[in-house]
Amino acid sequence: MMDKFSAIGAVLLWAMVIFSVSFAVAGDTKPVSGAERQTFVDSFPKNGLNTTPGDAMMLRILVESRSAQRGVEVGSFTGYGAINMGIAFERTGGHLYTLEIDPEAMKTCRENVDKMGLAKSVTCIEGDALKTLPALEGEFDFVFIDAVKKDYFRYFKHIEPKLKRGAVIVADNVIKSAEAMKDYLDYVQTSHDYETVIIRASEEKGDGMAITYKVR
């Protein structure tokens, strides 16, 4: 009888070892040093659809200085903004959800997030933000909008009920595309619930961002 139980115990122990090793391998991510990250950021293959370095650094600083815990980015493209904000969310112990409609761009974004060792701090979600935003659960204290300009207000109205008091909302391209997003800008600039300022953190694209603070 003891031999039978010993054999069963040995099988169970072996199964646990295999499960533990498999789990460790599946969940293991190679650490990426700060120097490696900086090299990757500096050599990132950007084009006109990516956030500029100056704007990306501003986003990183805003996330970290706000000690943001849950953020959402509307419009990932290939992930330059996401990895910069992801570094900040890693430092704050928070998490970023980045949304992208283009499958190829999202594939590249995921690859770049993985290369930077940020998979635990950044979740990439593929699909139309007008459909994926309503599906996000919980509250958010940081938002970055950089997608279809005429839809900024629609994106915002989907996320607005989930905004915490004190949340920071950043909207890109608000100078050159001011007319396309007039409804959004009018709302955040006139509502007593928000305070908004338009700044130019980077001269590279000759445009600016609207930074909005949720007062109540």
N, C-alpha and C. Protein backbone atom coordinates (compact mmCIF):
# COMPACT_ATOMS: atom_id res chain seq x y z
N MET A 1 0.83 -1.20 0.00
CA MET A 1 0.00 0.00 0.00
C MET A 1 0.87 1.25 0.00
N MET A 2 1.94 1.26 0.78
CA MET A 2 2.83 2.41 0.86
C MET A 2 3.49 2.66 -0.48
N ASP A 3 3.87 1.52 -1.16
CA ASP A 3 4.51 1.67 -2.45
C ASP A 3 3.59 2.34 -3.45
N LYS A 4 2.29 1.94 -3.37
CA LYS A 4 1.30 2.53 -4.27
C LYS A 4 1.17 4.03 -4.04
N PHE A 5 1.06 4.41 -2.74
CA PHE A 5 0.93 5.83 -2.42
C PHE A 5 2.21 6.58 -2.77
N SER A 6 3.36 5.93 -2.60
CA SER A 6 4.64 6.58 -2.92
C SER A 6 4.73 6.85 -4.41
N ALA A 7 4.25 5.88 -5.19
CA ALA A 7 4.28 6.05 -6.64
C ALA A 7 3.37 7.19 -7.07
N ILE A 8 2.17 7.24 -6.47
CA ILE A 8 1.24 8.33 -6.79
C ILE A 8 1.84 9.68 -6.39
N GLY A 9 2.46 9.71 -5.21
CA GLY A 9 3.09 10.94 -4.74
C GLY A 9 4.19 11.39 -5.66
N ALA A 10 4.97 10.42 -6.15
CA ALA A 10 6.07 10.76 -7.06
C ALA A 10 5.54 11.36 -8.35
N VAL A 11 4.45 10.79 -8.86
CA VAL A 11 3.85 11.31 -10.10
C VAL A 11 3.34 12.72 -9.89
N LEU A 12 2.65 12.95 -8.76
CA LEU A 12 2.13 14.29 -8.47
C LEU A 12 3.25 15.31 -8.32
N LEU A 13 4.32 14.89 -7.64
CA LEU A 13 5.46 15.78 -7.43
C LEU A 13 6.09 16.14 -8.77
N TRP A 14 6.24 15.15 -9.64
CA TRP A 14 6.82 15.39 -10.96
C TRP A 14 5.94 16.34 -11.79
N ALA A 15 4.63 16.14 -11.69
CA ALA A 15 3.70 17.02 -12.41
C ALA A 15 3.82 18.46 -11.91
N MET A 16 3.98 18.62 -10.59
CA MET A 16 4.11 19.96 -10.04
C MET A 16 5.40 20.62 -10.51
N VAL A 17 6.47 19.82 -10.60
CA VAL A 17 7.75 20.36 -11.05
C VAL A 17 7.64 20.83 -12.50
N ILE A 18 7.01 19.98 -13.36
CA ILE A 18 6.84 20.34 -14.76
C ILE A 18 6.00 21.61 -14.89
N PHE A 19 4.89 21.70 -14.11
CA PHE A 19 4.02 22.88 -14.15
C PHE A 19 4.78 24.12 -13.72
N SER A 20 5.59 23.99 -12.66
CA SER A 20 6.33 25.14 -12.14
C SER A 20 7.34 25.63 -13.15
N VAL A 21 8.04 24.69 -13.80
CA VAL A 21 9.04 25.08 -14.80
C VAL A 21 8.36 25.73 -16.00
N SER A 22 7.24 25.12 -16.45
CA SER A 22 6.51 25.68 -17.59
C SER A 22 6.01 27.08 -17.29
N PHE A 23 5.47 27.28 -16.07
CA PHE A 23 4.97 28.58 -15.68
C PHE A 23 6.09 29.60 -15.64
N ALA A 24 7.24 29.19 -15.11
CA ALA A 24 8.37 30.11 -15.00
C ALA A 24 8.86 30.52 -16.37
N VAL A 25 8.93 29.52 -17.31
CA VAL A 25 9.39 29.84 -18.66
C VAL A 25 8.41 30.75 -19.37
N ALA A 26 7.08 30.43 -19.21
CA ALA A 26 6.06 31.23 -19.89
C ALA A 26 6.01 32.65 -19.34
N GLY A 27 6.22 32.79 -18.03
CA GLY A 27 6.08 34.11 -17.43
C GLY A 27 7.39 34.86 -17.32
N ASP A 28 8.48 34.20 -17.72
CA ASP A 28 9.79 34.81 -17.57
C ASP A 28 10.03 35.84 -18.67
N THR A 29 10.52 37.00 -18.30
CA THR A 29 10.90 38.00 -19.28
C THR A 29 12.31 38.45 -18.97
N LYS A 30 13.10 38.56 -20.01
CA LYS A 30 14.49 38.95 -19.83
C LYS A 30 14.57 40.41 -19.40
N PRO A 31 15.27 40.68 -18.29
CA PRO A 31 15.40 42.07 -17.84
C PRO A 31 16.09 42.93 -18.90
N VAL A 32 15.61 44.14 -19.05
CA VAL A 32 16.22 45.08 -20.00
C VAL A 32 16.78 46.24 -19.20
N SER A 33 18.05 46.51 -19.36
CA SER A 33 18.70 47.57 -18.58
C SER A 33 18.27 48.94 -19.07
N GLY A 34 18.51 49.94 -18.22
CA GLY A 34 18.17 51.31 -18.58
C GLY A 34 18.95 51.76 -19.81
N ALA A 35 20.21 51.33 -19.91
CA ALA A 35 21.03 51.71 -21.07
C ALA A 35 20.49 51.08 -22.35
N GLU A 36 20.06 49.82 -22.26
CA GLU A 36 19.48 49.14 -23.42
C GLU A 36 18.19 49.83 -23.86
N ARG A 37 17.39 50.22 -22.88
CA ARG A 37 16.15 50.92 -23.21
C ARG A 37 16.42 52.25 -23.89
N GLN A 38 17.39 52.98 -23.37
CA GLN A 38 17.69 54.28 -23.96
C GLN A 38 18.20 54.13 -25.39
N THR A 39 19.02 53.12 -25.62
CA THR A 39 19.52 52.86 -26.97
C THR A 39 18.38 52.54 -27.91
N PHE A 40 17.43 51.73 -27.43
CA PHE A 40 16.28 51.36 -28.25
C PHE A 40 15.41 52.58 -28.55
N VAL A 41 15.16 53.41 -27.55
CA VAL A 41 14.37 54.63 -27.74
C VAL A 41 15.05 55.57 -28.73
N ASP A 42 16.38 55.74 -28.57
CA ASP A 42 17.12 56.65 -29.44
C ASP A 42 17.15 56.19 -30.90
N SER A 43 17.13 54.88 -31.11
CA SER A 43 17.22 54.35 -32.47
C SER A 43 15.86 53.91 -33.02
N PHE A 44 14.79 54.26 -32.33
CA PHE A 44 13.45 53.84 -32.72
C PHE A 44 13.12 54.36 -34.12
N PRO A 45 12.67 53.48 -35.04
CA PRO A 45 12.35 53.92 -36.41
C PRO A 45 11.01 54.67 -36.47
N LYS A 46 11.05 55.98 -36.35
CA LYS A 46 9.84 56.79 -36.29
C LYS A 46 9.49 57.37 -37.66
N ASN A 47 8.21 57.72 -37.81
CA ASN A 47 7.78 58.52 -38.95
C ASN A 47 6.77 59.54 -38.45
N GLY A 48 6.09 60.21 -39.35
CA GLY A 48 5.19 61.30 -38.96
C GLY A 48 4.03 60.89 -38.08
N LEU A 49 3.72 59.58 -38.01
CA LEU A 49 2.60 59.13 -37.19
C LEU A 49 3.01 58.83 -35.75
N ASN A 50 4.31 58.81 -35.48
CA ASN A 50 4.78 58.58 -34.12
C ASN A 50 4.83 59.87 -33.32
N THR A 51 4.70 59.74 -32.02
CA THR A 51 4.89 60.88 -31.12
C THR A 51 6.34 61.34 -31.23
N THR A 52 6.58 62.64 -31.18
CA THR A 52 7.95 63.13 -31.25
C THR A 52 8.67 62.86 -29.93
N PRO A 53 10.02 62.81 -29.93
CA PRO A 53 10.76 62.56 -28.69
C PRO A 53 10.44 63.55 -27.58
N GLY A 54 10.31 64.83 -27.93
CA GLY A 54 10.00 65.82 -26.91
C GLY A 54 8.63 65.60 -26.28
N ASP A 55 7.64 65.31 -27.13
CA ASP A 55 6.29 65.05 -26.62
C ASP A 55 6.24 63.75 -25.81
N ALA A 56 6.97 62.74 -26.28
CA ALA A 56 7.00 61.45 -25.57
C ALA A 56 7.60 61.61 -24.18
N MET A 57 8.65 62.42 -24.09
CA MET A 57 9.26 62.65 -22.78
C MET A 57 8.32 63.44 -21.88
N MET A 58 7.58 64.39 -22.45
CA MET A 58 6.61 65.13 -21.66
C MET A 58 5.55 64.18 -21.10
N LEU A 59 5.08 63.26 -21.93
CA LEU A 59 4.10 62.28 -21.48
C LEU A 59 4.65 61.43 -20.35
N ARG A 60 5.89 61.00 -20.51
CA ARG A 60 6.53 60.19 -19.46
C ARG A 60 6.60 60.95 -18.15
N ILE A 61 6.99 62.22 -18.23
CA ILE A 61 7.10 63.04 -17.02
C ILE A 61 5.73 63.28 -16.39
N LEU A 62 4.72 63.52 -17.22
CA LEU A 62 3.37 63.74 -16.69
C LEU A 62 2.85 62.51 -15.95
N VAL A 63 3.06 61.33 -16.54
CA VAL A 63 2.61 60.09 -15.90
C VAL A 63 3.30 59.91 -14.55
N GLU A 64 4.61 60.10 -14.56
CA GLU A 64 5.36 59.84 -13.33
C GLU A 64 5.09 60.89 -12.27
N SER A 65 5.01 62.16 -12.65
CA SER A 65 4.77 63.22 -11.66
C SER A 65 3.36 63.13 -11.10
N ARG A 66 2.42 62.61 -11.90
CA ARG A 66 1.04 62.41 -11.44
C ARG A 66 0.93 61.14 -10.60
N SER A 67 1.99 60.29 -10.62
CA SER A 67 1.95 58.96 -9.99
C SER A 67 0.74 58.18 -10.50
N ALA A 68 0.51 58.31 -11.81
CA ALA A 68 -0.65 57.67 -12.44
C ALA A 68 -0.61 56.16 -12.26
N GLN A 69 -1.78 55.59 -12.04
CA GLN A 69 -1.89 54.15 -11.81
C GLN A 69 -2.56 53.41 -12.96
N ARG A 70 -3.51 54.06 -13.63
CA ARG A 70 -4.20 53.40 -14.74
C ARG A 70 -4.36 54.40 -15.88
N GLY A 71 -3.71 54.09 -16.99
CA GLY A 71 -3.76 55.00 -18.12
C GLY A 71 -4.25 54.32 -19.38
N VAL A 72 -4.73 55.13 -20.32
CA VAL A 72 -5.16 54.60 -21.61
C VAL A 72 -4.64 55.52 -22.71
N GLU A 73 -4.10 54.92 -23.74
CA GLU A 73 -3.63 55.64 -24.93
C GLU A 73 -4.52 55.26 -26.11
N VAL A 74 -5.09 56.26 -26.74
CA VAL A 74 -5.91 56.03 -27.93
C VAL A 74 -5.06 56.34 -29.15
N GLY A 75 -4.59 55.29 -29.82
CA GLY A 75 -3.72 55.47 -30.98
C GLY A 75 -2.28 55.12 -30.66
N SER A 76 -1.95 53.84 -30.71
CA SER A 76 -0.60 53.37 -30.37
C SER A 76 0.39 53.58 -31.51
N PHE A 77 -0.09 53.36 -32.73
CA PHE A 77 0.74 53.18 -33.92
C PHE A 77 1.79 52.10 -33.59
N THR A 78 3.08 52.37 -33.72
CA THR A 78 4.08 51.32 -33.49
C THR A 78 4.64 51.33 -32.07
N GLY A 79 4.09 52.18 -31.22
CA GLY A 79 4.40 52.06 -29.79
C GLY A 79 5.45 52.98 -29.22
N TYR A 80 5.88 54.01 -29.95
CA TYR A 80 6.90 54.91 -29.38
C TYR A 80 6.38 55.62 -28.13
N GLY A 81 5.17 56.14 -28.22
CA GLY A 81 4.59 56.79 -27.04
C GLY A 81 4.32 55.79 -25.94
N ALA A 82 3.84 54.60 -26.32
CA ALA A 82 3.49 53.57 -25.33
C ALA A 82 4.70 53.13 -24.53
N ILE A 83 5.86 52.96 -25.18
CA ILE A 83 7.03 52.51 -24.42
C ILE A 83 7.55 53.61 -23.52
N ASN A 84 7.44 54.86 -23.96
CA ASN A 84 7.87 55.97 -23.10
C ASN A 84 6.96 56.10 -21.88
N MET A 85 5.65 56.04 -22.10
CA MET A 85 4.73 56.08 -20.97
C MET A 85 4.83 54.80 -20.14
N GLY A 86 5.10 53.68 -20.82
CA GLY A 86 5.24 52.41 -20.11
C GLY A 86 6.36 52.43 -19.10
N ILE A 87 7.45 53.09 -19.42
CA ILE A 87 8.56 53.22 -18.47
C ILE A 87 8.09 53.95 -17.22
N ALA A 88 7.30 55.01 -17.43
CA ALA A 88 6.79 55.77 -16.29
C ALA A 88 5.79 54.94 -15.48
N PHE A 89 4.91 54.21 -16.15
CA PHE A 89 3.95 53.38 -15.42
C PHE A 89 4.64 52.25 -14.66
N GLU A 90 5.72 51.75 -15.20
CA GLU A 90 6.50 50.75 -14.48
C GLU A 90 7.04 51.35 -13.18
N ARG A 91 7.50 52.58 -13.25
CA ARG A 91 8.04 53.25 -12.06
C ARG A 91 6.97 53.56 -11.02
N THR A 92 5.76 53.88 -11.49
CA THR A 92 4.69 54.22 -10.54
C THR A 92 3.97 52.97 -10.03
N GLY A 93 4.27 51.82 -10.65
CA GLY A 93 3.56 50.60 -10.29
C GLY A 93 2.19 50.53 -10.93
N GLY A 94 1.97 51.34 -11.97
CA GLY A 94 0.68 51.40 -12.63
C GLY A 94 0.65 50.59 -13.91
N HIS A 95 -0.35 50.86 -14.74
CA HIS A 95 -0.52 50.08 -15.98
C HIS A 95 -1.14 50.94 -17.07
N LEU A 96 -0.65 50.75 -18.29
CA LEU A 96 -1.14 51.47 -19.46
C LEU A 96 -1.83 50.51 -20.41
N TYR A 97 -3.02 50.91 -20.89
CA TYR A 97 -3.73 50.18 -21.93
C TYR A 97 -3.62 51.00 -23.20
N THR A 98 -2.98 50.47 -24.23
CA THR A 98 -2.79 51.23 -25.45
C THR A 98 -3.59 50.59 -26.57
N LEU A 99 -4.37 51.42 -27.30
CA LEU A 99 -5.35 50.95 -28.27
C LEU A 99 -4.95 51.34 -29.69
N GLU A 100 -5.04 50.37 -30.61
CA GLU A 100 -4.66 50.63 -32.00
C GLU A 100 -5.55 49.83 -32.94
N ILE A 101 -6.06 50.50 -33.99
CA ILE A 101 -6.97 49.85 -34.92
C ILE A 101 -6.26 49.07 -36.01
N ASP A 102 -5.05 49.48 -36.38
CA ASP A 102 -4.33 48.84 -37.48
C ASP A 102 -3.61 47.57 -37.00
N PRO A 103 -3.92 46.40 -37.55
CA PRO A 103 -3.33 45.14 -37.09
C PRO A 103 -1.81 45.09 -37.20
N GLU A 104 -1.26 45.57 -38.31
CA GLU A 104 0.19 45.53 -38.49
C GLU A 104 0.90 46.46 -37.51
N ALA A 105 0.33 47.66 -37.34
CA ALA A 105 0.92 48.60 -36.38
C ALA A 105 0.86 48.03 -34.97
N MET A 106 -0.26 47.38 -34.61
CA MET A 106 -0.39 46.79 -33.29
C MET A 106 0.60 45.64 -33.10
N LYS A 107 0.82 44.85 -34.12
CA LYS A 107 1.80 43.76 -34.05
C LYS A 107 3.19 44.33 -33.72
N THR A 108 3.55 45.41 -34.42
CA THR A 108 4.84 46.05 -34.17
C THR A 108 4.90 46.66 -32.78
N CYS A 109 3.79 47.26 -32.36
CA CYS A 109 3.72 47.85 -31.03
C CYS A 109 3.97 46.79 -29.95
N ARG A 110 3.31 45.66 -30.07
CA ARG A 110 3.49 44.57 -29.10
C ARG A 110 4.94 44.11 -29.07
N GLU A 111 5.54 43.98 -30.26
CA GLU A 111 6.93 43.54 -30.34
C GLU A 111 7.85 44.54 -29.64
N ASN A 112 7.59 45.83 -29.85
CA ASN A 112 8.43 46.85 -29.23
C ASN A 112 8.25 46.90 -27.71
N VAL A 113 7.02 46.71 -27.25
CA VAL A 113 6.76 46.66 -25.81
C VAL A 113 7.51 45.47 -25.19
N ASP A 114 7.49 44.33 -25.88
CA ASP A 114 8.19 43.15 -25.38
C ASP A 114 9.70 43.37 -25.37
N LYS A 115 10.22 43.97 -26.44
CA LYS A 115 11.66 44.23 -26.51
C LYS A 115 12.13 45.12 -25.37
N MET A 116 11.27 46.00 -24.93
CA MET A 116 11.62 46.92 -23.85
C MET A 116 11.37 46.31 -22.47
N GLY A 117 10.87 45.08 -22.44
CA GLY A 117 10.61 44.42 -21.16
C GLY A 117 9.48 45.06 -20.39
N LEU A 118 8.47 45.59 -21.12
CA LEU A 118 7.38 46.33 -20.48
C LEU A 118 6.04 45.62 -20.54
N ALA A 119 6.05 44.33 -20.86
CA ALA A 119 4.79 43.60 -21.03
C ALA A 119 3.94 43.58 -19.76
N LYS A 120 4.59 43.70 -18.60
CA LYS A 120 3.83 43.70 -17.34
C LYS A 120 3.21 45.06 -17.04
N SER A 121 3.67 46.09 -17.75
CA SER A 121 3.19 47.45 -17.48
C SER A 121 2.33 48.02 -18.60
N VAL A 122 2.34 47.36 -19.76
CA VAL A 122 1.60 47.86 -20.91
C VAL A 122 0.80 46.72 -21.55
N THR A 123 -0.49 46.94 -21.74
CA THR A 123 -1.35 45.98 -22.45
C THR A 123 -1.76 46.59 -23.77
N CYS A 124 -1.49 45.88 -24.87
CA CYS A 124 -1.82 46.35 -26.22
C CYS A 124 -3.16 45.75 -26.64
N ILE A 125 -4.09 46.60 -27.05
CA ILE A 125 -5.42 46.15 -27.42
C ILE A 125 -5.71 46.55 -28.87
N GLU A 126 -5.96 45.56 -29.71
CA GLU A 126 -6.23 45.82 -31.12
C GLU A 126 -7.72 46.03 -31.35
N GLY A 127 -8.06 47.03 -32.18
CA GLY A 127 -9.45 47.26 -32.52
C GLY A 127 -9.79 48.74 -32.57
N ASP A 128 -10.98 49.03 -33.05
CA ASP A 128 -11.48 50.40 -33.12
C ASP A 128 -11.70 50.92 -31.70
N ALA A 129 -11.04 52.01 -31.34
CA ALA A 129 -11.14 52.55 -29.98
C ALA A 129 -12.57 52.91 -29.60
N LEU A 130 -13.39 53.25 -30.58
CA LEU A 130 -14.79 53.58 -30.28
C LEU A 130 -15.54 52.34 -29.78
N LYS A 131 -14.97 51.16 -30.04
CA LYS A 131 -15.57 49.92 -29.55
C LYS A 131 -14.81 49.35 -28.36
N THR A 132 -13.48 49.52 -28.33
CA THR A 132 -12.68 48.95 -27.24
C THR A 132 -12.69 49.81 -25.99
N LEU A 133 -12.84 51.13 -26.15
CA LEU A 133 -12.89 52.00 -24.97
C LEU A 133 -14.05 51.66 -24.04
N PRO A 134 -15.28 51.47 -24.56
CA PRO A 134 -16.39 51.13 -23.67
C PRO A 134 -16.18 49.82 -22.91
N ALA A 135 -15.35 48.94 -23.46
CA ALA A 135 -15.12 47.64 -22.83
C ALA A 135 -14.12 47.69 -21.68
N LEU A 136 -13.37 48.79 -21.57
CA LEU A 136 -12.38 48.91 -20.49
C LEU A 136 -13.11 49.11 -19.17
N GLU A 137 -12.67 48.38 -18.16
CA GLU A 137 -13.31 48.46 -16.85
C GLU A 137 -12.46 49.25 -15.86
N GLY A 138 -13.10 49.76 -14.83
CA GLY A 138 -12.38 50.48 -13.78
C GLY A 138 -12.19 51.95 -14.09
N GLU A 139 -11.46 52.63 -13.19
CA GLU A 139 -11.21 54.06 -13.33
C GLU A 139 -9.83 54.32 -13.90
N PHE A 140 -9.68 55.51 -14.48
CA PHE A 140 -8.40 55.89 -15.09
C PHE A 140 -8.01 57.29 -14.61
N ASP A 141 -6.70 57.47 -14.47
CA ASP A 141 -6.21 58.79 -14.04
C ASP A 141 -5.25 59.42 -15.05
N PHE A 142 -5.09 58.78 -16.21
CA PHE A 142 -4.26 59.38 -17.27
C PHE A 142 -4.77 58.91 -18.63
N VAL A 143 -4.90 59.85 -19.57
CA VAL A 143 -5.37 59.53 -20.91
C VAL A 143 -4.53 60.30 -21.93
N PHE A 144 -4.14 59.62 -23.01
CA PHE A 144 -3.47 60.27 -24.12
C PHE A 144 -4.23 59.93 -25.39
N ILE A 145 -4.71 60.96 -26.10
CA ILE A 145 -5.49 60.77 -27.32
C ILE A 145 -4.68 61.24 -28.52
N ASP A 146 -4.44 60.32 -29.46
CA ASP A 146 -3.70 60.66 -30.68
C ASP A 146 -4.15 59.72 -31.79
N ALA A 147 -5.38 59.88 -32.22
CA ALA A 147 -5.95 59.01 -33.26
C ALA A 147 -6.72 59.88 -34.25
N VAL A 148 -7.86 59.41 -34.73
CA VAL A 148 -8.64 60.16 -35.72
C VAL A 148 -9.12 61.48 -35.11
N LYS A 149 -8.69 62.59 -35.67
CA LYS A 149 -8.89 63.90 -35.05
C LYS A 149 -10.36 64.27 -34.88
N LYS A 150 -11.18 63.97 -35.86
CA LYS A 150 -12.60 64.34 -35.77
C LYS A 150 -13.34 63.53 -34.70
N ASP A 151 -12.72 62.44 -34.23
CA ASP A 151 -13.36 61.58 -33.24
C ASP A 151 -12.87 61.81 -31.81
N TYR A 152 -12.05 62.83 -31.60
CA TYR A 152 -11.51 63.06 -30.25
C TYR A 152 -12.62 63.16 -29.20
N PHE A 153 -13.66 63.92 -29.53
CA PHE A 153 -14.73 64.11 -28.55
C PHE A 153 -15.47 62.80 -28.28
N ARG A 154 -15.62 61.97 -29.32
CA ARG A 154 -16.28 60.68 -29.15
C ARG A 154 -15.42 59.76 -28.27
N TYR A 155 -14.11 59.75 -28.50
CA TYR A 155 -13.23 58.97 -27.63
C TYR A 155 -13.38 59.43 -26.19
N PHE A 156 -13.33 60.75 -26.02
CA PHE A 156 -13.37 61.32 -24.68
C PHE A 156 -14.67 60.99 -23.95
N LYS A 157 -15.78 61.06 -24.65
CA LYS A 157 -17.07 60.79 -24.00
C LYS A 157 -17.18 59.33 -23.56
N HIS A 158 -16.49 58.44 -24.25
CA HIS A 158 -16.48 57.03 -23.83
C HIS A 158 -15.67 56.84 -22.54
N ILE A 159 -14.60 57.61 -22.40
CA ILE A 159 -13.72 57.41 -21.25
C ILE A 159 -14.08 58.34 -20.08
N GLU A 160 -14.79 59.43 -20.35
CA GLU A 160 -15.08 60.43 -19.32
C GLU A 160 -15.74 59.84 -18.06
N PRO A 161 -16.75 58.96 -18.17
CA PRO A 161 -17.37 58.42 -16.95
C PRO A 161 -16.40 57.61 -16.08
N LYS A 162 -15.27 57.22 -16.65
CA LYS A 162 -14.31 56.38 -15.92
C LYS A 162 -13.12 57.19 -15.38
N LEU A 163 -13.16 58.51 -15.57
CA LEU A 163 -12.05 59.35 -15.12
C LEU A 163 -12.14 59.64 -13.63
N LYS A 164 -11.03 59.48 -12.95
CA LYS A 164 -10.96 59.84 -11.54
C LYS A 164 -10.81 61.35 -11.41
N ARG A 165 -11.22 61.88 -10.29
CA ARG A 165 -10.95 63.29 -10.01
C ARG A 165 -9.43 63.48 -9.96
N GLY A 166 -8.94 64.50 -10.62
CA GLY A 166 -7.50 64.72 -10.68
C GLY A 166 -6.84 64.05 -11.88
N ALA A 167 -7.64 63.43 -12.73
CA ALA A 167 -7.09 62.78 -13.91
C ALA A 167 -6.51 63.81 -14.87
N VAL A 168 -5.50 63.39 -15.62
CA VAL A 168 -4.86 64.23 -16.63
C VAL A 168 -5.17 63.64 -18.00
N ILE A 169 -5.65 64.49 -18.91
CA ILE A 169 -5.97 64.06 -20.27
C ILE A 169 -5.14 64.89 -21.24
N VAL A 170 -4.39 64.21 -22.10
CA VAL A 170 -3.54 64.89 -23.08
C VAL A 170 -4.05 64.57 -24.48
N ALA A 171 -4.29 65.61 -25.27
CA ALA A 171 -4.74 65.44 -26.65
C ALA A 171 -3.70 66.01 -27.60
N ASP A 172 -3.32 65.24 -28.60
CA ASP A 172 -2.25 65.67 -29.52
C ASP A 172 -2.82 66.37 -30.75
N ASN A 173 -1.94 67.14 -31.42
CA ASN A 173 -2.24 67.80 -32.70
C ASN A 173 -3.37 68.82 -32.61
N VAL A 174 -3.44 69.53 -31.49
CA VAL A 174 -4.58 70.43 -31.26
C VAL A 174 -4.43 71.80 -31.91
N ILE A 175 -3.28 72.07 -32.51
CA ILE A 175 -3.10 73.35 -33.19
C ILE A 175 -3.43 73.20 -34.68
N LYS A 176 -2.76 72.27 -35.34
CA LYS A 176 -3.00 72.07 -36.77
C LYS A 176 -4.37 71.47 -37.06
N SER A 177 -4.88 70.69 -36.12
CA SER A 177 -6.18 70.02 -36.34
C SER A 177 -7.28 70.58 -35.45
N ALA A 178 -7.12 71.83 -35.05
CA ALA A 178 -8.07 72.45 -34.12
C ALA A 178 -9.49 72.43 -34.65
N GLU A 179 -9.67 72.65 -35.94
CA GLU A 179 -11.02 72.70 -36.49
C GLU A 179 -11.67 71.32 -36.47
N ALA A 180 -10.89 70.28 -36.76
CA ALA A 180 -11.43 68.92 -36.80
C ALA A 180 -11.90 68.45 -35.43
N MET A 181 -11.25 68.96 -34.39
CA MET A 181 -11.60 68.54 -33.02
C MET A 181 -12.21 69.68 -32.21
N LYS A 182 -12.85 70.61 -32.89
CA LYS A 182 -13.40 71.79 -32.24
C LYS A 182 -14.37 71.42 -31.11
N ASP A 183 -15.20 70.41 -31.33
CA ASP A 183 -16.16 70.03 -30.29
C ASP A 183 -15.45 69.56 -29.02
N TYR A 184 -14.35 68.83 -29.19
CA TYR A 184 -13.58 68.37 -28.02
C TYR A 184 -12.94 69.56 -27.30
N LEU A 185 -12.27 70.42 -28.05
CA LEU A 185 -11.58 71.56 -27.45
C LEU A 185 -12.55 72.52 -26.77
N ASP A 186 -13.69 72.78 -27.40
CA ASP A 186 -14.69 73.65 -26.80
C ASP A 186 -15.15 73.08 -25.46
N TYR A 187 -15.32 71.78 -25.41
CA TYR A 187 -15.82 71.14 -24.20
C TYR A 187 -14.82 71.25 -23.05
N VAL A 188 -13.58 70.85 -23.29
CA VAL A 188 -12.61 70.83 -22.18
C VAL A 188 -12.14 72.24 -21.80
N GLN A 189 -12.34 73.20 -22.72
CA GLN A 189 -11.92 74.57 -22.41
C GLN A 189 -13.02 75.40 -21.75
N THR A 190 -14.27 74.94 -21.82
CA THR A 190 -15.37 75.71 -21.24
C THR A 190 -16.05 75.03 -20.05
N SER A 191 -15.91 73.73 -19.94
CA SER A 191 -16.55 73.01 -18.83
C SER A 191 -15.91 73.38 -17.50
N HIS A 192 -16.73 73.57 -16.47
CA HIS A 192 -16.22 73.89 -15.14
C HIS A 192 -15.58 72.67 -14.48
N ASP A 193 -15.72 71.51 -15.09
CA ASP A 193 -15.13 70.29 -14.53
C ASP A 193 -13.67 70.12 -14.92
N TYR A 194 -13.21 70.96 -15.87
CA TYR A 194 -11.85 70.77 -16.39
C TYR A 194 -11.09 72.10 -16.49
N GLU A 195 -9.79 71.98 -16.39
CA GLU A 195 -8.89 73.11 -16.67
C GLU A 195 -7.95 72.66 -17.78
N THR A 196 -7.76 73.50 -18.79
CA THR A 196 -7.01 73.09 -19.98
C THR A 196 -6.02 74.16 -20.40
N VAL A 197 -4.85 73.71 -20.82
CA VAL A 197 -3.85 74.60 -21.39
C VAL A 197 -3.27 73.94 -22.63
N ILE A 198 -2.99 74.73 -23.65
CA ILE A 198 -2.38 74.21 -24.87
C ILE A 198 -0.90 74.58 -24.87
N ILE A 199 -0.06 73.58 -25.03
CA ILE A 199 1.39 73.81 -24.99
C ILE A 199 2.06 73.21 -26.22
N ARG A 200 3.29 73.61 -26.44
CA ARG A 200 4.11 73.04 -27.50
C ARG A 200 5.40 72.55 -26.85
N ALA A 201 5.45 71.23 -26.59
CA ALA A 201 6.63 70.66 -25.93
C ALA A 201 7.72 70.35 -26.93
N SER A 202 7.37 70.29 -28.21
CA SER A 202 8.33 69.95 -29.26
C SER A 202 8.10 70.81 -30.48
N GLU A 203 9.18 71.35 -31.03
CA GLU A 203 9.07 72.16 -32.25
C GLU A 203 9.16 71.30 -33.51
N GLU A 204 9.42 70.01 -33.32
CA GLU A 204 9.69 69.12 -34.45
C GLU A 204 8.56 69.06 -35.46
N LYS A 205 7.31 69.05 -34.97
CA LYS A 205 6.18 68.92 -35.89
C LYS A 205 5.36 70.20 -36.01
N GLY A 206 5.76 71.25 -35.30
CA GLY A 206 5.06 72.52 -35.39
C GLY A 206 3.62 72.45 -34.95
N ASP A 207 3.35 71.62 -33.97
CA ASP A 207 1.99 71.42 -33.48
C ASP A 207 2.00 71.50 -31.96
N GLY A 208 0.91 71.16 -31.32
CA GLY A 208 0.86 71.24 -29.87
C GLY A 208 -0.10 70.24 -29.26
N MET A 209 -0.13 70.25 -27.93
CA MET A 209 -0.99 69.35 -27.17
C MET A 209 -1.85 70.13 -26.20
N ALA A 210 -3.06 69.64 -25.98
CA ALA A 210 -3.93 70.21 -24.95
C ALA A 210 -3.81 69.32 -23.71
N ILE A 211 -3.41 69.92 -22.61
CA ILE A 211 -3.31 69.18 -21.35
C ILE A 211 -4.49 69.61 -20.46
N THR A 212 -5.29 68.65 -20.10
CA THR A 212 -6.52 68.91 -19.34
C THR A 212 -6.46 68.22 -17.99
N TYR A 213 -6.91 68.94 -16.97
CA TYR A 213 -6.94 68.41 -15.61
C TYR A 213 -8.40 68.33 -15.15
N LYS A 214 -8.79 67.19 -14.66
CA LYS A 214 -10.16 67.02 -14.17
C LYS A 214 -10.25 67.55 -12.74
N VAL A 215 -10.92 68.68 -12.60
CA VAL A 215 -11.01 69.36 -11.31
C VAL A 215 -11.96 68.64 -10.36
N ARG A 216 -13.06 68.13 -10.91
CA ARG A 216 -14.07 67.48 -10.06
C ARG A 216 -14.83 66.41 -10.83
